[in-house]
Protein backbone atom coordinates (compact mmCIF):
# COMPACT_ATOMS: atom_id res chain seq x y z
CA MET A 1 0.00 0.00 0.00
CA PRO A 2 1.57 3.29 -1.03
CA LEU A 3 1.71 6.15 1.49
CA ARG A 4 1.10 9.36 -0.42
CA HIS A 5 1.55 12.80 1.12
CA VAL A 6 -1.30 15.27 0.63
CA LEU A 7 1.01 17.46 -1.50
CA ALA A 8 2.41 14.58 -3.58
CA SER A 9 0.40 15.55 -6.67
CA ARG A 10 2.14 18.96 -6.87
CA GLY A 11 4.86 18.58 -9.48
CA ASP A 12 7.70 16.32 -8.36
CA LEU A 13 6.92 16.60 -4.63
CA GLY A 14 5.76 12.98 -4.56
CA GLN A 15 9.35 11.83 -5.02
CA LEU A 16 10.30 13.63 -1.81
CA LEU A 17 7.15 13.26 0.27
CA ASN A 18 5.73 9.80 -0.47
CA HIS A 19 7.14 7.12 1.81
CA GLY A 20 6.84 3.66 3.25
CA GLY A 21 4.22 1.36 2.01
CA GLY A 22 4.43 -2.33 1.43
CA PRO A 23 2.30 -5.47 1.35
CA VAL A 24 -0.85 -5.39 3.48
CA LYS A 25 -3.44 -7.92 4.55
CA GLY A 26 -7.14 -7.72 3.86
CA ASP A 27 -9.57 -6.87 1.10
CA MET A 28 -12.89 -5.04 0.79
CA VAL A 29 -14.74 -7.55 3.02
CA THR A 30 -12.28 -8.05 5.88
CA VAL A 31 -11.48 -6.25 9.13
CA CYS A 32 -8.25 -4.98 7.54
CA ASN A 33 -10.36 -3.31 4.86
CA THR A 34 -8.19 -2.60 1.81
CA GLY A 35 -9.22 -1.54 -1.68
CA SER A 36 -7.25 -2.70 -4.69
CA ASP A 37 -6.67 -1.82 -8.31
CA PRO A 38 -7.16 -4.23 -11.27
CA ASN A 39 -3.71 -5.74 -10.58
CA TRP A 40 -4.66 -6.50 -6.94
CA LEU A 41 -2.28 -3.87 -5.59
CA ALA A 42 -3.56 -2.18 -2.44
CA THR A 43 -4.56 1.40 -3.18
CA THR A 44 -6.72 2.38 -0.19
CA GLY A 45 -7.28 1.26 3.35
CA ALA A 46 -7.97 2.27 6.93
CA GLY A 47 -4.71 4.07 7.63
CA TYR A 48 -5.64 5.10 11.18
CA ARG A 49 -6.93 2.54 13.66
CA MET A 50 -7.98 3.16 17.25
CA ILE A 51 -9.25 0.96 20.07
CA CYS A 52 -11.38 2.88 22.58
CA ASP A 53 -12.14 1.12 25.85
CA LEU A 54 -13.85 3.87 27.82
CA ALA A 55 -13.58 1.85 31.02
CA THR A 56 -9.84 2.63 31.04
CA SER A 57 -7.80 5.83 30.98
CA VAL A 58 -5.95 5.01 27.74
CA LEU A 59 -6.69 4.60 24.07
CA MET A 60 -4.73 2.37 21.68
CA ALA A 61 -3.96 3.70 18.20
CA VAL A 62 -1.71 3.40 15.17
CA ASP A 63 -1.41 5.53 12.04
CA ALA A 64 0.09 4.05 8.86
CA GLN A 65 1.17 7.49 7.68
CA SER A 66 2.45 8.46 11.15
CA GLN A 67 1.59 11.80 12.69
CA SER A 68 4.11 14.11 11.08
CA GLY A 69 3.55 15.66 7.67
CA ASN A 70 7.15 16.87 7.80
CA PRO A 71 9.60 14.61 5.92
CA ASP A 72 12.43 15.96 8.08
CA SER A 73 10.80 14.60 11.26
CA PRO A 74 11.89 11.25 12.74
CA HIS A 75 8.15 10.54 13.09
CA TYR A 76 7.36 11.04 9.40
CA GLY A 77 7.12 7.33 8.62
CA ASP A 78 7.76 5.49 11.85
CA GLN A 79 4.42 3.70 12.36
CA PHE A 80 3.88 1.75 9.13
CA ALA A 81 5.58 -1.44 10.35
CA ALA A 82 3.51 -1.41 13.55
CA TRP A 83 0.34 -0.67 11.54
CA ALA A 84 1.02 -3.52 9.10
CA GLY A 85 1.79 -5.89 12.00
CA GLY A 86 -1.43 -5.06 13.87
CA GLU A 87 0.41 -3.32 16.71
CA TYR A 88 -0.83 -0.24 18.57
CA HIS A 89 0.64 2.38 20.88
CA VAL A 90 -0.88 3.92 23.98
CA LEU A 91 -2.61 7.31 23.91
CA PRO A 92 -3.00 8.23 27.58
CA LEU A 93 -5.93 10.36 28.69
CA LYS A 94 -4.70 11.48 32.12
CA ARG A 95 -2.54 14.62 32.22
CA GLU A 96 0.14 13.01 34.40
CA ASP A 97 0.39 10.00 32.08
CA VAL A 98 0.73 12.30 29.07
CA ALA A 99 3.48 14.26 30.86
CA ALA A 100 5.37 11.04 31.60
CA GLN A 101 5.47 10.18 27.87
CA THR A 102 6.13 13.67 26.51
CA THR A 103 9.46 14.07 24.72
CA GLU A 104 8.84 17.41 22.96
CA LYS A 105 6.45 20.33 23.24
CA LEU A 106 5.34 22.67 20.49
CA ARG A 107 3.67 25.85 21.65
CA LEU A 108 1.37 27.48 19.16
CA CYS A 109 0.83 31.19 19.70
CA SER A 110 -2.16 33.15 18.51
CA PRO A 111 -1.54 35.46 15.54
CA ILE A 112 -0.66 39.08 16.20
CA GLN A 113 -3.81 41.12 16.18
CA THR A 114 -3.78 44.44 14.37
CA HIS A 115 -6.28 47.05 15.48
CA VAL A 116 -7.46 49.52 12.90
CA ALA A 117 -9.01 52.72 14.18
CA SER A 118 -12.46 53.29 12.76
CA PRO A 119 -13.11 56.64 11.06
């Protein structure tokens, strides 16, 4: 299954941004739902899977594309093998559990507001 970046159709960006991929299990009538082309090559599928047991304080998830849209990030393509193997990682819901797993923080600031005096 190919992993195509959202900008891959812009010129030659696909050569830089597309990544990973490989053989996958499943077809259109299985749990690992995968669509195929006339040559039986996987072309679509459920790239993000999540298990939600609301009786616990964690979720389990995996994303074939990974979470980063930045090809320079170490997390750009690091979940495909786990996704293909049916593995999941923990998404904690409690603040202290999140803090224990945090390795980086990105702070997003609101845009600068410009005030225009009315006439």
